[in-house]
Amino acid sequence: MGSKPICIGILGGGQLARMSTVAARRMGIDIAILDAEKDSPAGQLASSEFKGNAANKRVLKQFAAVCDVITLENEFIDYHILEFIESLGKKVYPSSFTISQIQDKLIQKQVLKKHGIPLPAFMEVNHKSDFSMIAEKLGLPFVLKSRKMGYDGYGNALVKNKKDFEAAFERLTHRHSKLLAEEFVNFKMELAVMTARTRKETMVYPVVETVQKDHICHTVSAPAKISAALTGKAKQIAVDSVKAVKGFGIYGIEFFLTRSGRLLVNEMAPRPHNSGHYTIEGCVTSQFENHIRAVLGLPLGSAEMVKPCAVMINLLGKTSGAGIIKNYTSALSDPNVHLHLYGKKKSRKGRKMGHVTITGDNAGRILAAAKKAEKKIVI
């Protein structure tokens, strides 16, 4: 492929880009990072780092010039920026078309619905006076969501009455002007599936159970304790969802499992996903390595688990201050704990600062051990 290493450009330099960089560098592949901040978590490890806004075409051209192929850390980059990169003759995965189908959640749901993917009922919201119409169609309570820039619970509000709706409408339209409403799903369990896809093959990871804490994915248990039939159905829906948006690369598909046993797609993310962090130690090939392989069109690695069970727990900031662990010795007292820190300079309460993973043969035992380890760690 030439006399110099392949270089993948990543738009964004946070923890997902950092872990992708680790996977790439291990394989002898260079990474260039474009981020608004210098010395970002991924920039600390990258071959080259560009500081600037992705909307700045001068910076974007300099960045693209050193890259063989470009990917992204999140779906919030305007797809027109990706179109500009493609106009420079560079391949982008996921493509501008795929991102145009995903980044607006209303469009995402409309596309998935058109392809027969099971979803909660939803509708567009245009006016502060829409409450009665929405309540009549979706029932109460319902969820009001920003169509763009919503993650970790930001951009969501549970609406129980007209007063809730009006307050949420005001708050959310300050975040993003366009909203949608979705039926409230009284779920039994939340599930997720990572799917890697190239033009030649598709690799589907185990179905996992996710547990949220303050709207942030906190605990992931692999595999989920569901029937083989449900597992197969979730995997098929995940693949169908990726195909619906003509997606190539790695994708995280989140599901609600209802109390009546139905699977409903909540959202999809065109990138590595929090629910797939366990794959670093838990699977033959991590989601990050398959992300790198997929954007380069290389053969995908196995998604099989190396042990029967794995548990990942996010390390959320417990204090405000420097983003370093205050107690490494006690944090690492369990010899089975794998510790990951994301290189964020500042910690604040609730911020994702890292994660721990434990693999083993007994799901209950490793879940208890992971919870114990997470409680000990002060960051």
Protein backbone atom coordinates (compact mmCIF):
# COMPACT_ATOMS: atom_id res chain seq x y z
CA MET A 1 0.00 0.00 0.00
CA GLY A 2 2.98 2.35 -0.41
CA SER A 3 6.19 3.25 1.36
CA LYS A 4 4.59 5.02 4.33
CA PRO A 5 2.05 3.74 6.88
CA ILE A 6 -1.65 4.05 6.09
CA CYS A 7 -3.15 7.05 7.90
CA ILE A 8 -6.75 7.18 9.09
CA GLY A 9 -8.12 10.59 9.98
CA ILE A 10 -10.62 10.85 12.83
CA LEU A 11 -12.88 13.86 13.23
CA GLY A 12 -13.02 14.28 17.00
CA GLY A 13 -10.50 13.43 19.69
CA GLY A 14 -12.42 12.05 22.68
CA GLN A 15 -12.33 8.62 24.30
CA LEU A 16 -13.84 6.73 21.36
CA ALA A 17 -11.18 8.15 19.06
CA ARG A 18 -8.53 7.40 21.70
CA MET A 19 -9.41 3.71 21.93
CA SER A 20 -9.63 3.50 18.13
CA THR A 21 -6.16 5.07 17.98
CA VAL A 22 -4.76 2.43 20.35
CA ALA A 23 -6.17 -0.34 18.12
CA ALA A 24 -4.81 1.28 14.95
CA ARG A 25 -1.32 2.00 16.27
CA ARG A 26 -1.01 -1.59 17.47
CA MET A 27 -1.61 -2.65 13.85
CA GLY A 28 1.01 -0.22 12.50
CA ILE A 29 -1.59 2.26 11.19
CA ASP A 30 -1.12 6.00 11.73
CA ILE A 31 -3.90 8.20 13.08
CA ALA A 32 -4.48 11.92 12.49
CA ILE A 33 -6.89 13.71 14.83
CA LEU A 34 -8.85 16.89 14.19
CA ASP A 35 -10.31 18.35 17.37
CA ALA A 36 -11.22 21.78 18.71
CA GLU A 37 -8.84 21.25 21.65
CA LYS A 38 -5.12 20.57 21.51
CA ASP A 39 -3.82 17.49 23.37
CA SER A 40 -7.24 15.81 23.30
CA PRO A 41 -7.52 12.26 24.71
CA ALA A 42 -6.90 10.81 21.22
CA GLY A 43 -4.50 13.56 20.17
CA GLN A 44 -2.16 12.51 23.00
CA LEU A 45 -1.58 9.19 21.19
CA ALA A 46 -2.00 10.14 17.52
CA SER A 47 0.69 10.40 14.84
CA SER A 48 -0.50 13.92 14.04
CA GLU A 49 -2.95 16.31 15.64
CA PHE A 50 -4.78 19.22 14.06
CA LYS A 51 -6.44 21.85 16.26
CA GLY A 52 -9.45 23.55 14.76
CA ASN A 53 -13.13 23.47 13.91
CA ALA A 54 -14.24 20.87 11.37
CA ALA A 55 -16.27 23.61 9.67
CA ASN A 56 -13.04 25.50 8.86
CA LYS A 57 -12.30 24.44 5.27
CA ARG A 58 -8.65 25.54 5.41
CA VAL A 59 -7.95 23.34 8.44
CA LEU A 60 -10.07 20.55 6.96
CA LYS A 61 -8.01 20.55 3.75
CA GLN A 62 -4.73 20.36 5.72
CA PHE A 63 -6.11 17.50 7.79
CA ALA A 64 -7.52 15.59 4.80
CA ALA A 65 -4.23 15.94 2.90
CA VAL A 66 -2.39 13.62 5.33
CA CYS A 67 -5.19 11.01 5.48
CA ASP A 68 -5.86 7.99 3.27
CA VAL A 69 -9.39 7.56 4.64
CA ILE A 70 -11.43 9.51 7.19
CA THR A 71 -13.88 8.44 9.89
CA LEU A 72 -15.53 10.20 12.80
CA GLU A 73 -15.97 9.91 16.52
CA ASN A 74 -19.59 11.03 16.67
CA GLU A 75 -22.52 11.67 14.40
CA PHE A 76 -22.88 15.35 15.29
CA ILE A 77 -20.59 16.66 12.53
CA ASP A 78 -22.78 18.25 9.85
CA TYR A 79 -22.98 15.87 6.92
CA HIS A 80 -22.22 18.79 4.56
CA ILE A 81 -18.71 18.85 6.06
CA LEU A 82 -18.34 15.19 5.09
CA GLU A 83 -19.58 16.03 1.59
CA PHE A 84 -16.78 18.62 1.34
CA ILE A 85 -14.18 16.01 2.35
CA GLU A 86 -15.59 13.61 -0.23
CA SER A 87 -15.33 16.38 -2.85
CA LEU A 88 -11.59 16.44 -2.13
CA GLY A 89 -11.43 12.83 -3.34
CA LYS A 90 -11.23 11.27 0.13
CA LYS A 91 -13.27 8.27 1.26
CA VAL A 92 -15.29 8.87 4.42
CA TYR A 93 -16.85 6.08 6.53
CA PRO A 94 -19.58 6.49 7.53
CA SER A 95 -20.35 8.47 4.36
CA SER A 96 -22.06 11.85 4.19
CA PHE A 97 -25.17 10.04 2.93
CA THR A 98 -25.24 7.65 5.91
CA ILE A 99 -24.78 10.51 8.40
CA SER A 100 -27.55 12.47 6.65
CA GLN A 101 -29.84 9.52 7.42
CA ILE A 102 -28.80 9.27 11.08
CA GLN A 103 -27.84 12.56 12.73
CA ASP A 104 -31.38 13.98 12.73
CA LYS A 105 -33.28 11.53 14.94
CA LEU A 106 -36.60 12.18 13.22
CA ILE A 107 -35.08 11.37 9.81
CA GLN A 108 -33.33 8.33 11.35
CA LYS A 109 -36.63 6.97 12.63
CA GLN A 110 -38.43 7.71 9.36
CA VAL A 111 -35.73 5.83 7.41
CA LEU A 112 -35.77 2.85 9.78
CA LYS A 113 -39.58 2.73 9.76
CA LYS A 114 -39.60 2.76 5.95
CA HIS A 115 -37.35 -0.35 6.04
CA GLY A 116 -39.65 -2.21 8.43
CA ILE A 117 -37.51 -1.80 11.58
CA PRO A 118 -39.66 -2.02 14.77
CA LEU A 119 -39.70 1.32 16.63
CA PRO A 120 -41.62 3.12 19.38
CA ALA A 121 -44.34 5.39 17.97
CA PHE A 122 -42.99 8.88 17.21
CA MET A 123 -43.98 12.18 15.64
CA GLU A 124 -42.56 15.54 14.67
CA VAL A 125 -43.02 18.46 17.10
CA ASN A 126 -43.26 21.98 15.71
CA HIS A 127 -45.06 24.21 18.20
CA LYS A 128 -45.32 24.86 21.90
CA SER A 129 -49.08 24.44 21.44
CA ASP A 130 -48.74 20.83 20.20
CA PHE A 131 -49.17 19.17 23.61
CA SER A 132 -52.80 18.03 23.28
CA MET A 133 -52.26 16.58 19.80
CA ILE A 134 -49.15 14.65 20.94
CA ALA A 135 -50.80 13.36 24.13
CA GLU A 136 -53.78 12.13 22.09
CA LYS A 137 -51.55 10.24 19.62
CA LEU A 138 -48.80 8.93 21.94
CA GLY A 139 -50.51 8.89 25.33
CA LEU A 140 -49.03 10.09 28.61
CA PRO A 141 -46.28 10.13 29.62
CA PHE A 142 -44.24 10.62 26.44
CA VAL A 143 -40.64 11.59 25.75
CA LEU A 144 -39.65 14.87 24.10
CA LYS A 145 -36.28 14.77 22.29
CA SER A 146 -33.91 17.09 20.46
CA ARG A 147 -33.58 15.88 16.89
CA LYS A 148 -29.84 16.62 16.93
CA MET A 149 -27.04 16.87 19.51
CA GLY A 150 -28.70 14.56 22.03
CA TYR A 151 -26.55 12.07 23.96
CA ASP A 152 -26.16 10.72 27.52
CA GLY A 153 -29.66 11.99 28.32
CA TYR A 154 -28.91 15.52 27.15
CA GLY A 155 -31.70 16.57 24.85
CA ASN A 156 -34.37 14.29 26.38
CA ALA A 157 -37.28 15.10 28.69
CA LEU A 158 -40.08 12.97 30.15
CA VAL A 159 -43.42 14.74 29.74
CA LYS A 160 -46.26 13.89 32.14
CA ASN A 161 -48.44 16.97 31.67
CA LYS A 162 -48.79 20.25 29.80
CA LYS A 163 -46.57 22.14 32.26
CA ASP A 164 -43.76 19.58 31.76
CA PHE A 165 -44.14 19.90 27.99
CA GLU A 166 -43.91 23.68 27.91
CA ALA A 167 -40.86 23.74 30.20
CA ALA A 168 -39.14 20.96 28.21
CA PHE A 169 -39.99 22.66 24.89
CA GLU A 170 -38.29 25.86 26.08
CA ARG A 171 -35.21 24.04 27.39
CA LEU A 172 -34.72 21.69 24.44
CA THR A 173 -35.26 24.26 21.71
CA HIS A 174 -32.37 26.23 23.19
CA ARG A 175 -30.24 23.13 22.56
CA HIS A 176 -31.57 22.43 19.07
CA SER A 177 -34.51 24.13 17.38
CA LYS A 178 -36.18 20.97 16.05
CA LEU A 179 -37.84 18.36 18.28
CA LEU A 180 -39.65 15.05 18.11
CA ALA A 181 -41.90 13.20 20.52
CA GLU A 182 -41.80 9.47 21.18
CA GLU A 183 -44.05 7.12 23.10
CA PHE A 184 -42.81 6.19 26.56
CA VAL A 185 -41.74 2.55 26.56
CA ASN A 186 -42.15 0.71 29.85
CA PHE A 187 -39.31 -1.67 29.05
CA LYS A 188 -38.23 -4.84 30.77
CA MET A 189 -34.60 -4.47 29.71
CA GLU A 190 -32.35 -2.31 27.53
CA LEU A 191 -30.18 -4.16 25.02
CA ALA A 192 -27.50 -3.24 22.50
CA VAL A 193 -25.69 -4.87 19.58
CA MET A 194 -22.47 -3.79 17.86
CA THR A 195 -22.30 -4.52 14.13
CA ALA A 196 -19.26 -4.13 11.85
CA ARG A 197 -19.86 -4.06 8.09
CA THR A 198 -17.74 -3.79 4.95
CA ARG A 199 -18.76 -4.24 1.32
CA LYS A 200 -17.73 -7.91 1.61
CA GLU A 201 -18.81 -9.06 5.07
CA THR A 202 -20.72 -8.31 8.26
CA MET A 203 -19.67 -9.21 11.81
CA VAL A 204 -22.21 -9.08 14.66
CA TYR A 205 -21.17 -8.98 18.32
CA PRO A 206 -23.08 -10.60 21.20
CA VAL A 207 -26.31 -8.96 22.39
CA VAL A 208 -25.62 -7.18 25.68
CA GLU A 209 -27.76 -5.76 28.48
CA THR A 210 -27.16 -2.11 29.35
CA VAL A 211 -28.11 -0.33 32.57
CA GLN A 212 -28.26 3.47 32.64
CA LYS A 213 -27.34 5.79 35.50
CA ASP A 214 -28.67 9.35 35.18
CA HIS A 215 -29.28 8.65 31.46
CA ILE A 216 -25.64 7.56 30.94
CA CYS A 217 -24.78 3.98 29.99
CA HIS A 218 -23.21 2.74 33.21
CA THR A 219 -23.13 -1.08 33.27
CA VAL A 220 -22.88 -3.50 30.35
CA SER A 221 -23.29 -7.26 30.81
CA ALA A 222 -22.38 -9.66 28.00
CA PRO A 223 -24.13 -11.70 26.85
CA ALA A 224 -27.64 -10.54 27.79
CA LYS A 225 -29.76 -13.11 29.61
CA ILE A 226 -32.37 -13.53 26.88
CA SER A 227 -33.55 -16.45 24.77
CA ALA A 228 -31.68 -17.66 21.70
CA ALA A 229 -34.69 -16.63 19.59
CA LEU A 230 -34.59 -13.04 20.90
CA THR A 231 -30.81 -12.94 20.47
CA GLY A 232 -31.12 -13.97 16.84
CA LYS A 233 -33.90 -11.47 16.23
CA ALA A 234 -31.94 -8.57 17.79
CA LYS A 235 -28.88 -9.38 15.67
CA GLN A 236 -30.96 -9.51 12.48
CA ILE A 237 -32.68 -6.18 13.25
CA ALA A 238 -29.24 -4.63 13.95
CA VAL A 239 -27.91 -5.75 10.55
CA ASP A 240 -31.09 -4.60 8.80
CA SER A 241 -30.78 -1.19 10.50
CA VAL A 242 -27.19 -0.72 9.27
CA LYS A 243 -28.18 -1.75 5.75
CA ALA A 244 -31.13 0.68 5.85
CA VAL A 245 -28.73 3.65 6.11
CA LYS A 246 -26.22 2.09 3.67
CA GLY A 247 -23.73 1.94 6.54
CA PHE A 248 -20.15 0.71 6.47
CA GLY A 249 -17.93 0.72 9.55
CA ILE A 250 -18.98 -0.06 13.13
CA TYR A 251 -22.49 0.66 14.45
CA GLY A 252 -24.15 0.47 17.85
CA ILE A 253 -27.87 -0.37 17.84
CA GLU A 254 -29.80 0.21 21.09
CA PHE A 255 -33.04 -1.64 21.85
CA PHE A 256 -35.89 -1.66 24.31
CA LEU A 257 -37.18 -5.12 25.22
CA THR A 258 -40.79 -4.51 26.22
CA ARG A 259 -42.61 -6.38 28.97
CA SER A 260 -44.63 -8.12 26.27
CA GLY A 261 -41.42 -9.43 24.66
CA ARG A 262 -41.18 -7.03 21.69
CA LEU A 263 -37.86 -5.61 20.49
CA LEU A 264 -37.95 -1.91 19.57
CA VAL A 265 -34.96 0.02 18.23
CA ASN A 266 -34.29 3.06 20.40
CA GLU A 267 -31.40 4.66 18.49
CA MET A 268 -28.40 3.79 16.35
CA ALA A 269 -24.89 5.26 16.44
CA PRO A 270 -22.53 5.12 13.41
CA ARG A 271 -19.36 4.64 15.48
CA PRO A 272 -17.86 2.70 18.37
CA HIS A 273 -20.32 2.74 21.26
CA ASN A 274 -20.19 2.66 25.04
CA SER A 275 -22.01 -0.67 25.03
CA GLY A 276 -19.08 -2.19 23.10
CA HIS A 277 -16.20 -1.24 25.40
CA TYR A 278 -16.26 -4.70 26.98
CA THR A 279 -15.06 -6.13 23.63
CA ILE A 280 -11.48 -4.92 24.25
CA GLU A 281 -10.91 -7.77 26.72
CA GLY A 282 -14.14 -9.69 26.18
CA CYS A 283 -13.95 -10.57 22.48
CA VAL A 284 -11.37 -11.94 20.05
CA THR A 285 -11.46 -8.61 18.16
CA SER A 286 -12.53 -5.38 19.86
CA GLN A 287 -15.11 -3.04 18.40
CA PHE A 288 -12.29 -0.51 17.94
CA GLU A 289 -10.10 -2.87 15.92
CA ASN A 290 -13.04 -3.87 13.72
CA HIS A 291 -13.86 -0.17 13.33
CA ILE A 292 -10.33 0.36 11.95
CA ARG A 293 -10.51 -2.77 9.78
CA ALA A 294 -13.93 -1.82 8.41
CA VAL A 295 -13.07 1.75 7.36
CA LEU A 296 -10.02 0.35 5.51
CA GLY A 297 -12.06 -2.42 3.90
CA LEU A 298 -9.87 -5.09 5.52
CA PRO A 299 -11.09 -8.55 6.57
CA LEU A 300 -13.00 -8.30 9.84
CA GLY A 301 -11.88 -10.03 13.02
CA SER A 302 -13.96 -12.51 15.03
CA ALA A 303 -16.61 -11.07 17.36
CA GLU A 304 -16.69 -14.22 19.52
CA MET A 305 -16.26 -13.83 23.27
CA VAL A 306 -13.05 -15.22 24.78
CA LYS A 307 -14.80 -16.21 28.04
CA PRO A 308 -18.47 -16.95 28.73
CA CYS A 309 -19.16 -13.58 30.42
CA ALA A 310 -17.92 -10.00 30.55
CA VAL A 311 -18.99 -6.93 32.53
CA MET A 312 -18.01 -3.31 31.84
CA ILE A 313 -18.76 -0.43 34.21
CA ASN A 314 -18.15 3.20 33.35
CA LEU A 315 -16.06 5.27 35.74
CA LEU A 316 -18.02 8.48 36.15
CA GLY A 317 -16.33 11.45 37.81
CA LYS A 318 -16.88 11.52 41.58
CA THR A 319 -15.01 14.76 42.28
CA SER A 320 -14.11 17.97 40.48
CA GLY A 321 -10.45 18.52 39.71
CA ALA A 322 -7.62 16.82 37.85
CA GLY A 323 -8.66 13.79 35.80
CA ILE A 324 -6.39 11.33 37.57
CA ILE A 325 -7.11 8.39 39.85
CA LYS A 326 -6.44 9.25 43.47
CA ASN A 327 -6.02 5.63 44.63
CA TYR A 328 -4.32 3.38 42.07
CA THR A 329 -3.34 0.74 44.64
CA SER A 330 -6.84 0.00 45.88
CA ALA A 331 -8.25 0.51 42.37
CA LEU A 332 -6.10 -2.36 41.12
CA SER A 333 -6.44 -4.60 44.18
CA ASP A 334 -8.56 -7.11 42.23
CA PRO A 335 -6.13 -8.87 39.86
CA ASN A 336 -8.94 -9.55 37.36
CA VAL A 337 -9.85 -5.88 36.78
CA HIS A 338 -8.88 -4.22 33.50
CA LEU A 339 -8.64 -0.46 34.02
CA HIS A 340 -9.03 2.10 31.22
CA LEU A 341 -8.61 5.86 31.70
CA TYR A 342 -9.46 8.26 28.89
CA GLY A 343 -6.83 10.97 29.39
CA LYS A 344 -9.31 13.75 30.16
CA LYS A 345 -7.54 16.54 31.97
CA LYS A 346 -10.48 17.57 34.15
CA SER A 347 -12.91 15.44 36.12
CA ARG A 348 -16.38 16.53 37.17
CA LYS A 349 -19.23 14.68 38.78
CA GLY A 350 -20.92 12.36 36.27
CA ARG A 351 -18.34 12.83 33.48
CA LYS A 352 -17.15 9.66 31.71
CA MET A 353 -13.53 9.36 32.82
CA GLY A 354 -12.80 5.69 32.06
CA HIS A 355 -14.13 2.18 32.56
CA VAL A 356 -13.33 -1.16 34.16
CA THR A 357 -13.92 -4.58 32.61
CA ILE A 358 -13.89 -8.06 34.13
CA THR A 359 -14.27 -11.31 32.17
CA GLY A 360 -15.05 -14.72 33.64
CA ASP A 361 -17.27 -17.79 33.81
CA ASN A 362 -19.91 -16.60 36.30
CA ALA A 363 -21.99 -13.53 35.35
CA GLY A 364 -23.17 -12.75 38.89
CA ARG A 365 -19.71 -13.05 40.39
CA ILE A 366 -17.98 -10.77 37.89
CA LEU A 367 -20.80 -8.20 38.06
CA ALA A 368 -20.37 -8.01 41.84
CA ALA A 369 -16.58 -7.75 41.46
CA ALA A 370 -16.86 -4.99 38.84
CA LYS A 371 -19.26 -3.00 41.03
CA LYS A 372 -16.90 -3.37 43.97
CA ALA A 373 -13.96 -2.14 41.88
CA GLU A 374 -15.92 0.84 40.53
CA LYS A 375 -16.92 1.91 44.04
CA LYS A 376 -13.29 1.91 45.17
CA ILE A 377 -12.00 4.12 42.37
CA VAL A 378 -11.87 7.83 43.12
CA ILE A 379 -11.42 10.12 40.12
